[in-house]
Amino acid sequence: MNFTVLTLFPEMIRQTASESIIGRAMDKGILSLNTIDIRKYARNRYGAVDDYPFGGGAGMVMQAEPIFQAYQEAVEGKDASKIPVILMSPAGRRFNQQIARDLACYDEVIFLCGHYEGIDRRVVDEIVTDEISIGDYVLTGGELPALVIMDAVSRMVPGVLGNDESAQEESFSGMWLEYPQYTRPRVFHDKETPEVLLSGNHEAIRKWRLREAIRLTMERRPDLIDEERMTKEEKKIYQELLSK
């Protein structure tokens, strides 16, 4: 899978993406990254790609032409209709695990990172296929949100994680948050590891983990719960916990 990022700060993207799991996946050829510096298509000697907004107002707006030229470079020789172009925007739909799964099905995803007060709407309407937000707050640019989405999407790509089951068992992979995890030492600050996890009884461990996942979700994210999607086992545990 290839990520292409249209940005004013390509080095920021490259340096961050080269670390940890994404970096190892790129070394293995499972993922690839292409960054395109929008400034190289500036139409002035100062490298400026922004201008005053028509109609007045505070701040500056990114110009359409440099962004369009960067996009043209990104899709040159490719079928552009098969490549989603994601604009990082606080006005976009809220990012979640299902969107990560959907994006992981593509061979390539292009991210457009805005700055200043926004981007000339004409180029957004022409090239952008989706606008996504990572939360109800405003950042100085789209690079950090793009990196967040790249990280989440990468984990859905086969072979990126050492154990593909990890992606299936994590929080938000289904309805429930992830169950608590423990490792050595067995006792830490007088707090003991739950005995069931040391029993070697895989079925008992599975049931304990499911119960803990349901309990945590009820406590912290009840908005995620949908009884219609529950299995019989999940519904039984859920009803038992509700009655307490």
Protein backbone atom coordinates (compact mmCIF):
# COMPACT_ATOMS: atom_id res chain seq x y z
CA MET A 1 0.00 0.00 0.00
CA ASN A 2 1.24 3.50 -0.82
CA PHE A 3 0.57 6.71 1.08
CA THR A 4 1.05 9.98 -0.79
CA VAL A 5 0.99 13.21 1.22
CA LEU A 6 0.60 16.67 -0.31
CA THR A 7 2.12 18.94 2.31
CA LEU A 8 4.12 22.07 3.12
CA PHE A 9 6.25 20.02 5.52
CA PRO A 10 7.33 16.79 3.80
CA GLU A 11 10.21 16.17 6.18
CA MET A 12 7.82 16.16 9.15
CA ILE A 13 5.85 13.36 7.48
CA ARG A 14 8.91 11.36 6.43
CA GLN A 15 10.65 11.52 9.78
CA THR A 16 7.61 10.46 11.79
CA ALA A 17 6.50 7.73 9.39
CA SER A 18 9.98 6.20 9.30
CA GLU A 19 9.74 5.14 12.95
CA SER A 20 8.21 2.13 14.70
CA ILE A 21 5.75 -0.23 12.98
CA ILE A 22 5.17 1.90 9.87
CA GLY A 23 8.91 2.31 9.35
CA ARG A 24 9.51 -1.44 9.59
CA ALA A 25 6.64 -2.12 7.19
CA MET A 26 8.20 0.31 4.69
CA ASP A 27 11.56 -1.43 5.06
CA LYS A 28 9.82 -4.72 4.19
CA GLY A 29 8.07 -3.20 1.17
CA ILE A 30 4.57 -3.71 2.61
CA LEU A 31 4.01 0.05 2.79
CA SER A 32 5.50 2.93 0.83
CA LEU A 33 5.41 6.68 1.31
CA ASN A 34 5.59 9.52 -1.18
CA THR A 35 5.61 13.14 0.01
CA ILE A 36 5.09 16.03 -2.39
CA ASP A 37 6.07 19.53 -1.31
CA ILE A 38 3.30 21.89 -2.40
CA ARG A 39 5.72 24.83 -2.25
CA LYS A 40 7.66 23.64 -5.27
CA TYR A 41 4.65 24.64 -7.36
CA ALA A 42 4.55 28.17 -5.96
CA ARG A 43 4.09 30.79 -8.67
CA ASN A 44 6.41 33.36 -7.11
CA ARG A 45 10.08 33.49 -6.17
CA TYR A 46 9.33 33.52 -2.44
CA GLY A 47 7.75 30.07 -2.39
CA ALA A 48 4.47 31.42 -1.06
CA VAL A 49 1.40 29.30 -1.76
CA ASP A 50 -1.12 31.41 0.15
CA ASP A 51 -2.92 34.69 -0.43
CA TYR A 52 -5.49 37.00 1.15
CA PRO A 53 -9.08 35.69 1.14
CA PHE A 54 -11.59 37.30 -1.20
CA GLY A 55 -14.17 39.13 0.85
CA GLY A 56 -11.71 40.00 3.57
CA GLY A 57 -11.14 38.38 6.94
CA ALA A 58 -8.25 37.30 9.12
CA GLY A 59 -5.49 34.97 7.95
CA MET A 60 -4.45 33.59 4.60
CA VAL A 61 -5.85 30.91 2.28
CA MET A 62 -3.87 28.25 0.40
CA GLN A 63 -4.05 28.78 -3.35
CA ALA A 64 -5.67 26.28 -5.67
CA GLU A 65 -3.04 26.06 -8.41
CA PRO A 66 -0.03 24.80 -6.39
CA ILE A 67 -2.20 22.15 -4.74
CA PHE A 68 -3.63 21.04 -8.07
CA GLN A 69 -0.15 20.75 -9.58
CA ALA A 70 1.04 18.67 -6.61
CA TYR A 71 -1.98 16.43 -7.07
CA GLN A 72 -1.22 16.06 -10.78
CA GLU A 73 2.27 14.86 -9.87
CA ALA A 74 0.79 12.36 -7.41
CA VAL A 75 -1.55 10.74 -9.94
CA GLU A 76 0.62 10.96 -13.04
CA GLY A 77 0.43 7.67 -14.95
CA LYS A 78 -2.21 6.26 -12.58
CA ASP A 79 -5.96 5.79 -12.65
CA ALA A 80 -6.92 8.72 -10.44
CA SER A 81 -10.49 7.46 -10.11
CA LYS A 82 -9.22 4.58 -7.97
CA ILE A 83 -7.26 6.72 -5.50
CA PRO A 84 -9.13 8.43 -2.66
CA VAL A 85 -7.95 11.95 -1.81
CA ILE A 86 -8.47 12.77 1.85
CA LEU A 87 -8.49 16.36 3.10
CA MET A 88 -7.65 16.74 6.77
CA SER A 89 -10.39 19.09 7.95
CA PRO A 90 -12.15 19.89 11.26
CA ALA A 91 -15.32 20.09 9.17
CA GLY A 92 -14.91 16.51 7.93
CA ARG A 93 -16.58 13.35 9.17
CA ARG A 94 -15.16 11.94 12.40
CA PHE A 95 -12.45 9.33 11.89
CA ASN A 96 -13.06 5.86 13.33
CA GLN A 97 -11.89 2.28 13.01
CA GLN A 98 -14.34 1.45 10.23
CA ILE A 99 -12.94 4.26 8.08
CA ALA A 100 -9.46 2.87 8.75
CA ARG A 101 -10.60 -0.54 7.52
CA ASP A 102 -12.20 0.97 4.43
CA LEU A 103 -9.07 2.95 3.50
CA ALA A 104 -6.88 -0.12 4.00
CA CYS A 105 -8.67 -1.76 1.06
CA TYR A 106 -7.10 0.69 -1.40
CA ASP A 107 -3.70 0.29 -3.04
CA GLU A 108 -3.01 4.00 -2.53
CA VAL A 109 -4.40 6.88 -0.51
CA ILE A 110 -3.56 10.56 -1.02
CA PHE A 111 -3.68 12.95 1.93
CA LEU A 112 -3.98 16.71 1.47
CA CYS A 113 -2.69 18.70 4.45
CA GLY A 114 -4.00 22.23 4.73
CA HIS A 115 -2.63 25.22 6.64
CA TYR A 116 -3.51 28.82 7.45
CA GLU A 117 -7.24 29.62 7.37
CA GLY A 118 -8.01 26.92 4.84
CA ILE A 119 -7.79 25.95 1.17
CA ASP A 120 -9.37 27.55 -1.89
CA ARG A 121 -12.64 25.64 -2.16
CA ARG A 122 -12.39 25.23 -5.91
CA VAL A 123 -9.48 22.81 -5.74
CA VAL A 124 -11.11 20.95 -2.85
CA ASP A 125 -14.23 20.43 -4.94
CA GLU A 126 -12.17 19.27 -7.90
CA ILE A 127 -9.81 16.71 -6.36
CA VAL A 128 -10.91 15.79 -2.83
CA THR A 129 -13.07 12.67 -2.41
CA ASP A 130 -13.49 12.82 1.37
CA GLU A 131 -12.91 15.21 4.28
CA ILE A 132 -11.95 13.65 7.61
CA SER A 133 -11.48 15.05 11.11
CA ILE A 134 -9.69 13.30 13.98
CA GLY A 135 -11.58 15.28 16.61
CA ASP A 136 -13.44 18.40 17.57
CA TYR A 137 -10.45 20.71 17.85
CA VAL A 138 -8.27 22.76 15.52
CA LEU A 139 -4.58 22.10 14.82
CA THR A 140 -2.06 24.27 13.00
CA GLY A 141 -1.99 21.97 9.99
CA GLY A 142 -3.08 18.67 8.53
CA GLU A 143 0.19 16.77 8.95
CA LEU A 144 -0.48 15.35 12.42
CA PRO A 145 -4.01 14.19 11.53
CA ALA A 146 -2.68 12.59 8.34
CA LEU A 147 -0.06 10.71 10.35
CA VAL A 148 -2.70 9.53 12.82
CA ILE A 149 -4.82 8.13 10.01
CA MET A 150 -1.82 6.56 8.28
CA ASP A 151 -0.91 4.80 11.51
CA ALA A 152 -4.43 3.46 12.04
CA VAL A 153 -4.80 2.36 8.41
CA SER A 154 -1.37 0.71 8.35
CA ARG A 155 -2.36 -1.62 11.17
CA MET A 156 -5.19 -2.94 8.99
CA VAL A 157 -2.84 -3.87 6.12
CA PRO A 158 -1.93 -7.59 6.16
CA GLY A 159 1.65 -8.22 7.23
CA VAL A 160 2.22 -4.87 8.95
CA LEU A 161 1.66 -6.22 12.45
CA GLY A 162 3.74 -9.17 13.57
CA ASN A 163 0.56 -10.93 14.62
CA ASP A 164 -2.46 -10.13 12.46
CA GLU A 165 -4.73 -11.20 15.33
CA SER A 166 -3.58 -8.12 17.24
CA ALA A 167 -5.52 -5.82 14.92
CA GLN A 168 -8.66 -7.90 15.37
CA GLU A 169 -8.50 -7.95 19.18
CA GLU A 170 -7.75 -4.29 19.83
CA SER A 171 -10.16 -1.62 21.01
CA PHE A 172 -12.71 -0.52 18.38
CA SER A 173 -11.99 -3.57 16.18
CA GLY A 174 -15.45 -4.73 17.22
CA MET A 175 -17.98 -3.24 19.62
CA TRP A 176 -15.91 -3.60 22.78
CA LEU A 177 -12.89 -1.82 24.16
CA GLU A 178 -9.82 -3.97 24.67
CA TYR A 179 -9.56 -6.01 27.85
CA PRO A 180 -6.80 -5.23 30.43
CA GLN A 181 -3.34 -6.64 29.75
CA TYR A 182 -0.70 -7.89 32.21
CA THR A 183 2.91 -9.05 31.98
CA ARG A 184 5.79 -9.90 34.33
CA PRO A 185 6.34 -9.50 37.21
CA ARG A 186 3.37 -11.40 38.55
CA VAL A 187 3.06 -8.93 41.46
CA PHE A 188 3.71 -5.18 41.07
CA HIS A 189 3.37 -2.78 44.02
CA ASP A 190 1.31 -5.40 45.86
CA LYS A 191 -1.08 -5.67 42.91
CA GLU A 192 -1.39 -9.23 41.62
CA THR A 193 -2.09 -10.45 38.10
CA PRO A 194 -5.59 -11.98 37.90
CA GLU A 195 -5.24 -15.67 38.70
CA VAL A 196 -7.22 -16.79 35.65
CA LEU A 197 -4.53 -15.43 33.33
CA LEU A 198 -1.99 -17.75 34.94
CA SER A 199 -4.23 -20.82 34.86
CA GLY A 200 -3.37 -22.03 31.37
CA ASN A 201 -7.11 -22.57 30.80
CA HIS A 202 -7.61 -20.87 27.44
CA GLU A 203 -11.40 -20.98 27.55
CA ALA A 204 -11.51 -19.44 31.03
CA ILE A 205 -9.07 -16.76 29.88
CA ARG A 206 -11.19 -16.00 26.82
CA LYS A 207 -14.33 -15.62 28.94
CA TRP A 208 -12.55 -13.40 31.46
CA ARG A 209 -11.23 -11.15 28.72
CA LEU A 210 -14.63 -10.85 27.09
CA ARG A 211 -16.27 -9.99 30.40
CA GLU A 212 -13.63 -7.35 31.16
CA ALA A 213 -13.97 -5.86 27.68
CA ILE A 214 -17.73 -5.55 28.13
CA ARG A 215 -17.34 -4.11 31.63
CA LEU A 216 -14.83 -1.47 30.50
CA THR A 217 -17.00 -0.48 27.56
CA MET A 218 -20.03 -0.09 29.80
CA GLU A 219 -18.03 2.13 32.15
CA ARG A 220 -16.16 4.26 29.64
CA ARG A 221 -17.86 4.16 26.23
CA PRO A 222 -21.49 3.07 26.59
CA ASP A 223 -22.20 4.94 23.35
CA LEU A 224 -20.46 2.11 21.45
CA ILE A 225 -22.84 -0.57 22.69
CA ASP A 226 -25.46 -1.98 20.33
CA GLU A 227 -27.45 -4.90 21.75
CA GLU A 228 -28.59 -5.96 18.29
CA ARG A 229 -24.98 -6.73 17.33
CA MET A 230 -24.24 -8.81 20.44
CA THR A 231 -23.77 -12.55 20.39
CA LYS A 232 -25.80 -14.61 22.86
CA GLU A 233 -22.76 -14.90 25.10
CA GLU A 234 -22.09 -11.17 25.02
CA LYS A 235 -25.73 -10.33 25.72
CA LYS A 236 -25.77 -12.68 28.73
CA ILE A 237 -22.66 -11.07 30.23
CA TYR A 238 -23.98 -7.59 29.46
CA GLN A 239 -27.28 -8.29 31.22
CA GLU A 240 -25.46 -9.78 34.22
CA LEU A 241 -23.29 -6.67 34.54
CA LEU A 242 -26.30 -4.39 34.13
CA SER A 243 -28.06 -6.09 37.02
CA LYS A 244 -25.19 -5.43 39.44
